[in-house]
Amino acid sequence: MLYGRGAFLMFAGAGLVSGHSALGKTMPITSSIIDDLSREPPMATIGTDWRLFTDRVMGGVSDGTMVRVMVAGRPAIRMRGEVSLENNGGFVQISLDLGPDGTTVDVSDWRGIELDVFGNGEDYGVHLRTDDLNRPWQSYRQGFRGDPEWRTVQLPFDKFAPYRTDVPLNTRRLRRIGVVAIGRAFSADISVGGLWFMN
């Protein structure tokens, strides 16, 4: 089932709406599950929706799609697209708010993010956002290789690198996570079979 195509009014794992979370609330996270694909797409297990974003919101020409399909025998969220550097663009991503209505979540009791992925041999990234970041291009980033087989990728919070910010990652104020194809012209094809907080 196709449930995302083209650009959205957000970009780079951020959003045109930035700053502090709604009502200043932070929710403590007690379950490790972010999305085990048990709910009707595009909704994740935590109750927020996966969304597809491309650089077209800022004048780029990259294209992408997001579908829920079977990939090598497993249900998955599959992001495909053509990443182009034309017009100062260069990304396609799927992202997920971690709390309802823009609230932040406290994941300080967890060690990182774990996801099951199946790719096409290209490099991808996971981008995190907190409400400390007020520019849409800012994030905390960590890369992984999307091998053409199912495997579990573990991404410790202390290995996420700040991008265009001097503010350290505050895991008590996490807001959004994105799986991103970015930074070079290539054909993206990455599937996510599940996403968890890591002990």
Protein backbone atom coordinates (compact mmCIF):
# COMPACT_ATOMS: atom_id res chain seq x y z
CA MET A 1 0.00 0.00 0.00
CA LEU A 2 1.39 3.39 -1.03
CA TYR A 3 0.91 5.96 1.73
CA GLY A 4 3.48 8.63 1.07
CA ARG A 5 4.82 10.35 -2.01
CA GLY A 6 6.70 13.54 -2.80
CA ALA A 7 7.34 16.45 -0.45
CA PHE A 8 5.82 17.48 2.85
CA LEU A 9 6.00 20.78 4.71
CA MET A 10 9.01 19.60 6.71
CA PHE A 11 12.58 18.78 5.89
CA ALA A 12 15.92 17.42 7.09
CA GLY A 13 14.40 15.47 9.96
CA ALA A 14 13.15 18.67 11.44
CA GLY A 15 10.10 20.61 10.59
CA LEU A 16 9.21 24.12 9.66
CA VAL A 17 7.62 24.17 13.08
CA SER A 18 10.46 24.07 15.59
CA GLY A 19 11.35 25.07 19.12
CA HIS A 20 9.75 23.77 22.31
CA SER A 21 7.21 20.99 22.36
CA ALA A 22 3.53 21.58 22.72
CA LEU A 23 2.59 22.73 26.23
CA GLY A 24 6.19 22.12 27.34
CA LYS A 25 5.39 18.53 28.33
CA THR A 26 7.87 15.66 28.28
CA MET A 27 6.64 12.09 28.41
CA PRO A 28 8.77 9.39 30.06
CA ILE A 29 9.19 6.30 27.89
CA THR A 30 8.74 2.95 29.64
CA SER A 31 8.37 0.60 26.64
CA SER A 32 11.22 -0.14 24.26
CA ILE A 33 8.91 -0.43 21.23
CA ILE A 34 8.80 2.52 18.84
CA ASP A 35 7.25 0.62 15.93
CA ASP A 36 6.84 -3.12 15.51
CA LEU A 37 4.55 -2.60 12.49
CA SER A 38 1.54 -4.00 14.35
CA ARG A 39 -0.76 -1.07 13.56
CA GLU A 40 -2.43 0.03 10.35
CA PRO A 41 0.00 2.14 8.26
CA PRO A 42 1.15 4.82 8.38
CA MET A 43 0.61 4.70 12.17
CA ALA A 44 3.48 3.44 14.32
CA THR A 45 3.04 1.39 17.49
CA ILE A 46 3.52 4.55 19.59
CA GLY A 47 0.49 6.16 17.93
CA THR A 48 2.08 8.77 15.67
CA ASP A 49 2.32 8.58 11.88
CA TRP A 50 5.30 7.96 9.65
CA ARG A 51 5.72 10.71 7.07
CA LEU A 52 7.75 11.10 3.92
CA PHE A 53 9.72 14.29 3.24
CA THR A 54 11.95 15.33 0.37
CA ASP A 55 14.02 18.37 -0.49
CA ARG A 56 11.26 19.66 -2.80
CA VAL A 57 9.96 21.82 0.05
CA MET A 58 13.16 23.87 -0.30
CA GLY A 59 13.37 23.88 -4.10
CA GLY A 60 15.14 20.56 -4.65
CA VAL A 61 14.11 17.89 -7.14
CA SER A 62 14.59 14.64 -5.22
CA ASP A 63 11.68 12.18 -5.40
CA GLY A 64 10.56 9.51 -3.00
CA THR A 65 7.84 7.09 -2.00
CA MET A 66 6.95 5.32 1.24
CA VAL A 67 4.97 2.06 1.28
CA ARG A 68 4.09 -0.75 3.67
CA VAL A 69 5.04 -3.97 1.88
CA MET A 70 6.58 -7.39 2.39
CA VAL A 71 10.36 -7.31 1.89
CA ALA A 72 12.25 -10.62 1.84
CA GLY A 73 9.49 -12.29 3.84
CA ARG A 74 8.94 -9.54 6.43
CA PRO A 75 6.49 -6.63 6.67
CA ALA A 76 8.35 -3.35 6.31
CA ILE A 77 8.15 0.36 5.74
CA ARG A 78 10.00 0.80 2.45
CA MET A 79 11.41 4.16 1.37
CA ARG A 80 12.55 4.45 -2.24
CA GLY A 81 13.63 7.46 -4.21
CA GLU A 82 16.12 9.31 -6.33
CA VAL A 83 18.29 11.70 -4.35
CA SER A 84 19.45 14.67 -6.44
CA LEU A 85 21.82 17.50 -5.54
CA GLU A 86 20.24 19.84 -8.08
CA ASN A 87 18.92 23.19 -6.81
CA ASN A 88 20.85 22.76 -3.53
CA GLY A 89 18.79 19.72 -2.62
CA GLY A 90 19.88 16.27 -1.62
CA PHE A 91 17.60 14.21 0.65
CA VAL A 92 14.66 11.85 0.94
CA GLN A 93 13.52 10.70 4.37
CA ILE A 94 10.83 9.09 6.46
CA SER A 95 10.34 10.43 9.97
CA LEU A 96 8.28 9.86 13.06
CA ASP A 97 7.31 12.15 15.93
CA LEU A 98 8.00 10.33 19.20
CA GLY A 99 5.27 12.06 21.20
CA PRO A 100 1.73 13.18 20.30
CA ASP A 101 1.12 16.76 19.21
CA GLY A 102 4.79 17.67 19.15
CA THR A 103 5.54 16.65 22.73
CA THR A 104 9.01 15.49 23.63
CA VAL A 105 9.88 12.18 25.27
CA ASP A 106 12.40 11.29 27.95
CA VAL A 107 14.49 8.34 26.77
CA SER A 108 17.38 8.87 29.18
CA ASP A 109 16.85 5.39 30.65
CA TRP A 110 17.69 3.88 27.25
CA ARG A 111 21.10 3.50 25.60
CA GLY A 112 20.19 4.14 21.98
CA ILE A 113 18.10 3.19 18.97
CA GLU A 114 17.88 -0.25 17.37
CA LEU A 115 16.30 -0.91 13.98
CA ASP A 116 15.92 -3.83 11.61
CA VAL A 117 16.82 -2.75 8.07
CA PHE A 118 17.08 -4.16 4.54
CA GLY A 119 18.71 -1.98 1.92
CA ASN A 120 20.48 -1.83 -1.41
CA GLY A 121 24.09 -1.59 -0.23
CA GLU A 122 24.05 2.20 0.16
CA ASP A 123 24.79 4.33 3.22
CA TYR A 124 21.89 5.90 5.12
CA GLY A 125 21.47 7.88 8.30
CA VAL A 126 19.29 8.17 11.37
CA HIS A 127 18.65 11.78 12.42
CA LEU A 128 17.33 12.80 15.82
CA ARG A 129 15.69 16.06 16.82
CA THR A 130 15.17 17.55 20.27
CA ASP A 131 13.34 20.72 21.24
CA ASP A 132 16.73 22.34 21.89
CA LEU A 133 17.10 22.75 18.13
CA ASN A 134 15.43 25.75 16.53
CA ARG A 135 16.71 25.56 12.94
CA PRO A 136 15.22 23.02 10.53
CA TRP A 137 18.62 21.87 9.25
CA GLN A 138 19.96 21.02 12.72
CA SER A 139 19.97 17.44 13.98
CA TYR A 140 22.00 14.67 15.61
CA ARG A 141 23.22 12.13 13.08
CA GLN A 142 24.55 8.61 12.86
CA GLY A 143 25.06 6.53 9.74
CA PHE A 144 24.64 2.89 8.82
CA ARG A 145 25.02 0.65 5.77
CA GLY A 146 21.80 -0.70 4.29
CA ASP A 147 22.96 -4.17 3.30
CA PRO A 148 20.75 -6.25 0.96
CA GLU A 149 19.68 -8.59 3.77
CA TRP A 150 17.77 -8.16 7.00
CA ARG A 151 20.00 -7.12 9.88
CA THR A 152 19.71 -5.26 13.17
CA VAL A 153 21.53 -1.93 13.44
CA GLN A 154 22.36 -0.60 16.90
CA LEU A 155 22.93 3.15 17.24
CA PRO A 156 24.02 4.29 20.73
CA PHE A 157 22.92 7.79 21.70
CA ASP A 158 26.50 8.77 22.60
CA LYS A 159 27.58 8.14 18.98
CA PHE A 160 25.13 10.62 17.44
CA ALA A 161 27.04 13.63 16.13
CA PRO A 162 25.55 17.13 16.38
CA TYR A 163 25.03 18.71 12.96
CA ARG A 164 25.17 22.51 12.71
CA THR A 165 24.62 22.93 16.43
CA ASP A 166 26.86 23.15 19.50
CA VAL A 167 24.10 21.89 21.80
CA PRO A 168 24.75 18.33 23.09
CA LEU A 169 22.08 15.70 22.51
CA ASN A 170 19.60 15.81 25.40
CA THR A 171 17.85 12.44 25.54
CA ARG A 172 15.37 13.82 28.07
CA ARG A 173 13.88 16.06 25.33
CA LEU A 174 13.76 13.84 22.23
CA ARG A 175 11.16 14.85 19.67
CA ARG A 176 11.59 13.13 16.31
CA ILE A 177 13.50 10.38 14.53
CA GLY A 178 14.16 10.14 10.81
CA VAL A 179 15.65 7.55 8.46
CA VAL A 180 17.39 9.54 5.77
CA ALA A 181 19.02 9.19 2.35
CA ILE A 182 21.11 12.35 2.09
CA GLY A 183 24.12 14.19 0.79
CA ARG A 184 24.88 12.63 -2.58
CA ALA A 185 23.07 11.67 -5.78
CA PHE A 186 21.98 8.03 -5.62
CA SER A 187 19.03 5.66 -5.81
CA ALA A 188 17.68 5.10 -2.30
CA ASP A 189 15.93 1.90 -1.28
CA ILE A 190 15.78 1.18 2.45
CA SER A 191 13.23 -0.86 4.39
CA VAL A 192 12.59 -0.70 8.13
CA GLY A 193 11.16 -3.82 9.77
CA GLY A 194 11.02 -2.48 13.30
CA LEU A 195 12.38 0.22 15.58
CA TRP A 196 13.11 0.10 19.31
CA PHE A 197 14.86 1.88 22.12
CA MET A 198 17.97 -0.04 23.10
CA ASN A 199 18.91 -1.12 26.63
